[in-house]
Protein backbone atom coordinates (compact mmCIF):
# COMPACT_ATOMS: atom_id res chain seq x y z
CA MET A 1 19.67 17.53 -19.36
CA THR A 2 16.77 16.41 -17.16
CA ASP A 3 13.24 15.54 -18.18
CA GLN A 4 10.71 18.30 -17.69
CA PRO A 5 7.11 17.86 -16.47
CA GLU A 6 4.33 17.89 -19.00
CA PRO A 7 1.64 20.62 -18.87
CA SER A 8 -0.73 18.36 -16.89
CA SER A 9 1.57 18.80 -13.88
CA LYS A 10 -0.08 22.19 -13.36
CA GLY A 11 -3.37 20.59 -12.37
CA PRO A 12 -6.92 21.14 -13.61
CA GLU A 13 -8.36 24.46 -14.75
CA PRO A 14 -9.90 26.52 -11.91
CA GLY A 15 -13.39 27.91 -11.52
CA VAL A 16 -15.46 24.93 -12.67
CA ASP A 17 -18.47 23.58 -10.81
CA PRO A 18 -17.47 19.95 -10.21
CA LEU A 19 -21.07 18.75 -10.43
CA ALA A 20 -21.59 20.50 -13.77
CA GLN A 21 -18.91 18.39 -15.46
CA SER A 22 -20.03 15.77 -17.93
CA GLY A 23 -18.67 12.84 -15.97
CA THR A 24 -15.75 12.14 -18.29
CA THR A 25 -12.39 11.68 -16.66
CA ALA A 26 -10.07 14.66 -16.86
CA ASP A 27 -6.91 12.85 -15.79
CA ALA A 28 -7.85 9.20 -16.19
CA GLN A 29 -5.31 6.68 -17.36
CA GLY A 30 -7.97 4.06 -18.06
CA GLU A 31 -11.70 3.75 -18.62
CA HIS A 32 -14.35 1.30 -17.47
CA PRO A 33 -15.52 -1.16 -20.13
CA THR A 34 -18.58 0.16 -21.96
CA GLY A 35 -21.78 -1.35 -20.73
CA THR A 36 -20.24 -2.97 -17.66
CA THR A 37 -22.12 -2.53 -14.38
CA LEU A 38 -19.64 -2.18 -11.56
CA PRO A 39 -20.36 -2.55 -7.83
CA LEU A 40 -20.12 1.16 -7.00
CA ASP A 41 -21.94 2.56 -10.03
CA GLY A 42 -23.99 5.54 -8.82
CA VAL A 43 -21.76 6.32 -5.83
CA LEU A 44 -20.36 9.87 -5.81
CA VAL A 45 -17.01 10.41 -4.08
CA ALA A 46 -15.64 13.84 -3.17
CA ASP A 47 -11.89 13.43 -3.02
CA PHE A 48 -10.23 16.16 -0.96
CA SER A 49 -7.09 14.09 -0.44
CA ARG A 50 -3.64 14.39 -1.93
CA VAL A 51 -0.33 12.53 -2.30
CA LEU A 52 -0.89 8.75 -1.88
CA ALA A 53 -2.97 7.14 0.90
CA GLY A 54 -6.21 9.03 0.18
CA PRO A 55 -5.86 9.16 -3.61
CA LEU A 56 -5.05 5.43 -3.78
CA ALA A 57 -8.17 4.62 -1.75
CA THR A 58 -10.40 6.80 -3.92
CA MET A 59 -8.84 5.38 -7.08
CA THR A 60 -9.86 1.93 -5.89
CA LEU A 61 -13.42 3.19 -5.47
CA ALA A 62 -13.24 4.63 -8.99
CA ASP A 63 -12.03 1.31 -10.34
CA LEU A 64 -15.08 -0.26 -8.69
CA GLY A 65 -17.37 2.11 -10.56
CA ALA A 66 -17.75 5.17 -8.32
CA ARG A 67 -17.67 8.65 -9.80
CA VAL A 68 -14.71 10.32 -8.08
CA ILE A 69 -14.27 14.09 -8.26
CA LYS A 70 -10.83 15.15 -7.09
CA VAL A 71 -10.50 18.65 -5.63
CA GLU A 72 -7.08 20.22 -6.24
CA ARG A 73 -5.38 23.54 -5.67
CA PRO A 74 -5.56 26.03 -8.54
CA GLY A 75 -2.28 26.44 -10.40
CA ALA A 76 -0.55 23.58 -8.63
CA GLY A 77 -2.82 20.60 -8.19
CA ASP A 78 -1.89 17.59 -6.11
CA ASP A 79 1.71 17.72 -4.82
CA THR A 80 2.52 14.53 -6.72
CA ARG A 81 1.91 16.19 -10.09
CA LYS A 82 5.42 17.60 -9.61
CA TRP A 83 7.02 14.48 -8.13
CA GLY A 84 9.30 13.51 -10.96
CA PRO A 85 11.13 12.31 -12.85
CA PRO A 86 10.01 9.97 -14.21
CA TRP A 87 7.43 11.61 -16.45
CA SER A 88 5.06 9.89 -18.86
CA GLU A 89 3.61 11.57 -21.94
CA THR A 90 0.86 13.04 -19.75
CA GLY A 91 2.64 13.94 -16.51
CA ALA A 92 4.26 12.59 -13.37
CA THR A 93 4.01 8.82 -13.15
CA TYR A 94 3.72 9.11 -9.36
CA PHE A 95 0.50 11.12 -9.71
CA GLU A 96 -0.84 8.75 -12.34
CA SER A 97 -0.26 5.73 -10.08
CA ALA A 98 -3.00 6.88 -7.70
CA ASN A 99 -5.41 8.96 -9.76
CA ARG A 100 -6.80 6.76 -12.51
CA ASN A 101 -10.47 7.09 -13.53
CA LYS A 102 -11.11 10.38 -11.71
CA GLU A 103 -12.40 13.79 -12.64
CA SER A 104 -10.42 16.77 -11.38
CA VAL A 105 -11.50 20.26 -10.43
CA ALA A 106 -9.42 23.18 -9.12
CA LEU A 107 -10.96 24.99 -6.14
CA ASP A 108 -9.35 27.56 -3.87
CA LEU A 109 -10.88 26.75 -0.50
CA THR A 110 -9.93 30.19 0.83
CA ASP A 111 -12.10 31.81 -1.85
CA PRO A 112 -15.78 32.11 -0.82
CA GLU A 113 -17.15 31.20 -4.25
CA ASP A 114 -14.90 28.18 -4.64
CA LEU A 115 -15.59 27.13 -1.05
CA ALA A 116 -19.30 27.23 -1.83
CA LEU A 117 -18.73 24.94 -4.82
CA ALA A 118 -16.73 22.58 -2.61
CA LYS A 119 -19.53 22.49 -0.06
CA LYS A 120 -22.08 21.87 -2.80
CA LEU A 121 -20.04 18.84 -3.86
CA ALA A 122 -19.70 17.60 -0.28
CA LEU A 123 -23.45 17.86 0.30
CA LYS A 124 -24.17 15.79 -2.81
CA ALA A 125 -21.51 13.17 -2.15
CA ASP A 126 -22.03 9.68 -0.80
CA VAL A 127 -18.41 9.54 0.32
CA LEU A 128 -15.90 12.27 1.21
CA VAL A 129 -12.21 11.46 1.72
CA GLU A 130 -9.76 14.00 3.11
CA ASN A 131 -6.27 14.04 4.56
CA PHE A 132 -5.90 17.59 5.81
CA LYS A 133 -4.29 18.07 9.19
CA PRO A 134 -6.84 16.94 11.80
CA GLY A 135 -9.54 19.58 12.00
CA GLY A 136 -8.29 21.42 8.91
CA LEU A 137 -11.45 21.07 6.83
CA ALA A 138 -13.63 21.83 9.84
CA LYS A 139 -12.03 25.29 10.03
CA LEU A 140 -13.38 25.86 6.52
CA GLY A 141 -16.87 24.65 7.38
CA LEU A 142 -16.33 21.32 5.61
CA GLY A 143 -15.95 19.06 8.64
CA TYR A 144 -18.22 16.09 9.23
CA GLU A 145 -20.20 17.94 11.88
CA ASP A 146 -20.75 20.79 9.42
CA LEU A 147 -22.16 18.52 6.73
CA ARG A 148 -24.02 15.66 8.34
CA ASP A 149 -27.27 17.49 9.11
CA GLU A 150 -27.73 18.48 5.47
CA ASN A 151 -26.27 15.24 4.14
CA PRO A 152 -27.10 12.58 6.75
CA GLY A 153 -26.02 9.74 4.47
CA LEU A 154 -22.49 11.11 4.04
CA ILE A 155 -19.64 8.70 4.78
CA TYR A 156 -16.69 10.90 5.73
CA ALA A 157 -13.17 9.46 5.93
CA SER A 158 -10.39 11.43 7.62
CA ILE A 159 -6.85 10.18 7.01
CA SER A 160 -3.90 11.44 9.05
CA GLY A 161 -0.45 10.39 10.09
CA PHE A 162 -1.07 9.80 13.78
CA GLY A 163 -4.77 10.31 14.41
CA SER A 164 -6.73 13.17 15.95
CA ALA A 165 -5.51 12.77 19.54
CA GLY A 166 -1.97 12.90 20.91
CA GLY A 167 -0.15 12.84 17.59
CA ARG A 168 -2.42 15.22 15.71
CA HIS A 169 0.34 17.85 15.43
CA LEU A 170 2.86 15.51 13.78
CA ALA A 171 3.54 15.49 10.04
CA GLY A 172 2.03 12.42 8.41
CA TYR A 173 4.66 11.30 5.93
CA ASP A 174 5.13 7.62 5.12
CA PHE A 175 8.90 7.63 5.76
CA LEU A 176 8.48 9.19 9.20
CA VAL A 177 5.84 6.64 10.16
CA GLN A 178 8.05 3.79 8.95
CA ALA A 179 10.72 5.15 11.29
CA VAL A 180 8.63 5.81 14.37
CA GLY A 181 6.27 2.86 13.85
CA GLY A 182 8.87 0.11 14.12
CA LEU A 183 9.02 -1.05 10.49
CA MET A 184 12.53 0.23 9.87
CA SER A 185 13.76 -1.44 13.07
CA ILE A 186 13.05 -4.83 11.48
CA THR A 187 14.06 -3.97 7.90
CA GLY A 188 17.64 -4.18 6.65
CA PRO A 189 20.79 -6.15 7.42
CA ALA A 190 21.37 -7.31 10.97
CA ASP A 191 24.66 -5.45 11.24
CA GLY A 192 23.71 -2.39 9.21
CA SER A 193 21.45 0.65 9.24
CA PRO A 194 17.66 0.49 9.37
CA TYR A 195 16.06 0.55 5.91
CA LYS A 196 12.74 1.85 4.69
CA ALA A 197 10.64 -0.29 2.40
CA GLY A 198 11.22 0.25 -1.31
CA VAL A 199 7.73 1.72 -1.79
CA ALA A 200 5.60 4.00 0.43
CA LEU A 201 4.24 0.87 2.06
CA VAL A 202 2.51 2.53 5.01
CA ASP A 203 0.55 4.83 2.68
CA VAL A 204 -0.49 1.78 0.66
CA LEU A 205 -1.57 -0.12 3.79
CA CYS A 206 -3.53 2.90 5.00
CA ALA A 207 -5.19 3.23 1.59
CA LYS A 208 -6.34 -0.37 1.77
CA ASP A 209 -7.62 0.09 5.34
CA THR A 210 -9.48 3.18 4.18
CA THR A 211 -11.04 1.30 1.27
CA ILE A 212 -12.14 -1.53 3.56
CA GLY A 213 -13.65 0.98 5.98
CA LEU A 214 -15.50 2.83 3.24
CA LEU A 215 -16.93 -0.31 1.67
CA SER A 216 -18.05 -1.49 5.11
CA ALA A 217 -19.59 1.91 5.84
CA LEU A 218 -21.52 1.86 2.55
CA GLU A 219 -22.97 -1.51 3.49
CA ALA A 220 -23.73 -0.31 7.03
CA ARG A 221 -25.53 2.72 5.56
CA ARG A 222 -27.68 0.41 3.47
CA ARG A 223 -28.64 -1.54 6.58
CA ASN A 224 -29.14 1.49 8.85
CA ASN A 225 -31.78 3.55 7.05
CA GLY A 226 -29.26 5.54 5.04
CA ARG A 227 -27.27 6.92 7.98
CA GLY A 228 -23.69 7.84 7.20
CA SER A 229 -20.67 7.80 9.47
CA HIS A 230 -17.29 9.37 10.18
CA LEU A 231 -14.22 7.15 9.81
CA GLU A 232 -10.76 8.00 11.13
CA ILE A 233 -7.78 6.16 9.66
CA ASN A 234 -4.14 6.93 10.37
CA LEU A 235 -0.83 5.73 9.01
CA LEU A 236 0.58 4.63 12.36
CA SER A 237 -2.40 2.41 13.19
CA SER A 238 -2.30 0.85 9.73
CA LEU A 239 1.38 0.05 10.20
CA GLN A 240 0.87 -1.34 13.70
CA GLY A 241 -1.83 -3.67 12.40
CA ALA A 242 0.49 -4.82 9.60
CA LEU A 243 3.32 -5.82 11.95
CA VAL A 244 1.34 -9.06 12.59
CA ASN A 245 3.71 -11.81 13.78
CA GLN A 246 6.51 -9.35 14.56
CA GLY A 247 4.25 -7.25 16.76
CA GLN A 248 2.69 -10.28 18.42
CA ALA A 249 6.14 -11.66 19.22
CA TYR A 250 6.56 -8.73 21.57
CA LEU A 251 2.98 -8.59 22.84
CA GLY A 252 2.66 -12.31 23.43
CA ALA A 253 6.20 -13.39 24.31
CA GLY A 254 8.03 -10.22 25.24
CA LYS A 255 10.52 -10.71 22.40
CA ALA A 256 11.37 -7.53 20.54
CA PRO A 257 12.15 -8.39 16.91
CA SER A 258 15.21 -6.98 15.19
CA ARG A 259 16.67 -6.66 11.70
CA MET A 260 17.57 -9.98 10.12
CA GLY A 261 18.17 -9.11 6.47
CA ASN A 262 16.32 -11.70 4.37
CA GLU A 263 16.04 -14.26 7.16
CA HIS A 264 12.79 -15.10 8.91
CA PRO A 265 12.56 -14.99 12.71
CA SER A 266 10.41 -18.12 12.97
CA ILE A 267 11.14 -20.28 9.90
CA VAL A 268 14.38 -21.79 8.52
CA PRO A 269 15.28 -21.95 5.68
CA TYR A 270 13.18 -19.01 4.50
CA GLN A 271 15.67 -16.74 2.72
CA LEU A 272 18.08 -16.35 -0.17
CA LEU A 273 20.59 -19.20 -0.41
CA GLU A 274 23.67 -18.93 -2.61
CA CYS A 275 24.16 -21.34 -5.51
CA SER A 276 27.16 -21.55 -7.85
CA ASP A 277 25.99 -18.57 -9.91
CA GLY A 278 23.80 -16.54 -7.58
CA PRO A 279 20.95 -16.67 -5.09
CA LEU A 280 17.88 -18.87 -4.90
CA ALA A 281 14.88 -17.80 -2.85
CA VAL A 282 13.78 -20.75 -0.73
CA THR A 283 10.72 -20.90 1.53
CA VAL A 284 10.50 -24.14 3.49
CA GLY A 285 7.31 -23.93 5.50
CA ASN A 286 7.23 -27.35 7.17
CA ASP A 287 9.36 -30.34 8.13
CA GLY A 288 8.19 -32.43 5.19
CA GLN A 289 9.37 -29.81 2.72
CA PHE A 290 12.74 -29.65 4.48
CA ALA A 291 13.20 -33.44 4.28
CA ARG A 292 12.42 -33.36 0.54
CA MET A 293 14.79 -30.45 0.01
CA ALA A 294 17.62 -32.16 1.89
CA ALA A 295 17.16 -35.34 -0.13
CA ALA A 296 17.06 -33.41 -3.42
CA LEU A 297 20.30 -31.63 -2.51
CA GLY A 298 21.98 -34.93 -1.71
CA VAL A 299 22.19 -34.26 2.02
CA ALA A 300 19.23 -36.31 3.24
CA GLU A 301 21.04 -36.89 6.54
CA LEU A 302 20.35 -33.29 7.55
CA ALA A 303 16.66 -34.08 7.96
CA GLU A 304 17.57 -36.86 10.39
CA ASP A 305 19.94 -34.69 12.41
CA GLU A 306 18.22 -33.71 15.66
CA ARG A 307 19.52 -30.16 15.22
CA PHE A 308 17.54 -29.77 12.00
CA ALA A 309 14.71 -32.32 12.12
CA THR A 310 12.07 -29.80 13.24
CA ASN A 311 11.56 -26.18 12.39
CA THR A 312 12.06 -25.13 16.02
CA GLU A 313 15.48 -26.80 16.03
CA ARG A 314 16.36 -25.37 12.62
CA VAL A 315 15.64 -21.88 13.91
CA ALA A 316 17.85 -22.53 16.94
CA HIS A 317 20.69 -23.83 14.75
CA ARG A 318 20.29 -21.65 11.66
CA ASP A 319 23.93 -20.48 11.78
CA THR A 320 25.03 -24.09 11.43
CA LEU A 321 22.41 -25.23 8.93
CA VAL A 322 22.59 -22.45 6.34
CA PRO A 323 26.29 -22.96 5.48
CA LEU A 324 25.65 -26.69 5.04
CA LEU A 325 22.78 -26.01 2.63
CA GLU A 326 24.80 -23.47 0.68
CA LYS A 327 27.71 -25.90 0.41
CA ALA A 328 25.38 -28.41 -1.25
CA LEU A 329 23.82 -25.72 -3.48
CA SER A 330 27.23 -24.48 -4.61
CA ALA A 331 27.59 -27.65 -6.69
CA ASN A 332 25.25 -26.29 -9.36
CA THR A 333 23.36 -23.28 -10.68
CA ALA A 334 20.24 -21.61 -9.30
CA GLN A 335 18.30 -22.71 -12.38
CA HIS A 336 19.36 -26.31 -11.86
CA TRP A 337 18.23 -26.28 -8.25
CA GLN A 338 15.00 -24.54 -9.14
CA ASP A 339 14.19 -27.38 -11.52
CA VAL A 340 15.17 -30.02 -8.97
CA LEU A 341 13.22 -28.49 -6.09
CA THR A 342 10.19 -27.93 -8.29
CA GLN A 343 10.02 -31.65 -8.93
CA VAL A 344 9.85 -32.41 -5.19
CA GLY A 345 7.41 -29.63 -4.29
CA VAL A 346 9.71 -27.26 -2.43
CA PRO A 347 8.79 -23.55 -2.88
CA ARG A 348 11.69 -21.72 -4.54
CA GLU A 349 12.37 -19.00 -7.10
CA ARG A 350 15.64 -18.20 -8.80
CA TRP A 351 14.42 -14.79 -9.91
CA VAL A 352 15.04 -11.81 -7.70
CA ALA A 353 13.09 -9.92 -10.31
CA SER A 354 13.34 -6.27 -11.18
CA ILE A 355 10.12 -4.42 -11.94
CA ARG A 356 11.15 -4.45 -15.60
CA GLU A 357 11.49 -8.24 -15.49
CA LEU A 358 8.20 -8.62 -13.61
CA SER A 359 6.36 -6.74 -16.36
CA SER A 360 7.37 -9.49 -18.78
CA ARG A 361 5.93 -12.22 -16.53
CA LYS A 362 2.30 -11.12 -16.50
CA ASN A 363 1.10 -14.71 -16.51
CA LEU A 364 2.23 -15.19 -12.90
CA ALA A 365 -1.00 -13.74 -11.47
């Protein structure tokens, strides 16, 4: 027998003027502390987005004090209301992960009366976030050009998979962008299949880029006599920007990176190393750390070996070095070596923690 969704998976009740609501959160999983003044208090956000990138960005604005009104489809709501299991007592945990501290309203944008309510909200909003197909809201009279004359201070963010130019017709799903954007080509074992990240990482990156853009635009509006702006953010560009050293390896040196499992292309050792009872995560970022590690493992001579004395040489001879380190580590447990390396200031961690285990280590951050 499988878990069934709770009633909240159906979405909010239709036919309500979003601006007539009291301001209490309809689907919030948390509330702002009473009496606390937050940075975005007084900012009204019209959230026409769904799934993850847009909702995560607007949730961040809500956490910072903005009033966020989420517009959903009558009878169905956001797609993620049905993305389960798992289900909490109030609905799909996927939906809840990106929709804290918001109000929700159900509006059918093909219905003239509901469309009028949506436009009323858009004309009152400081910020509007949407992730329709490029040009989708404009066909309904809710595009930036349709709104800016009546609401010149509006900051309008359009999120898509591939932007509003050549890739505007492509579906903007995180997994597809991980595939086409190069991330999967560098994720997974060297001799195996490409892997996606274990979370919708590109959506999360895009959400953070959107949040940065919106906060910058709010400040620019303050400096520019209240004038708003139109931001375009897309998943592919967010991923390309996040490739950092891997992308620059190709741009700057013509070297196309490939899958390396848990190894690092430019640092050694920077990976899982096997001990007598399991792996130890080791991140040696400089030659001094490597010398201290070698001495602590009882193989101080490795730091004097010209093949391993510098990081550049360690990278070139990683296939020789790693077995030597693991031979030394095999003499004792991961916990033992964690204690030893801690004493000499070498970054390490014996935990390859599950999310359940991480929840019990809240004091880490």
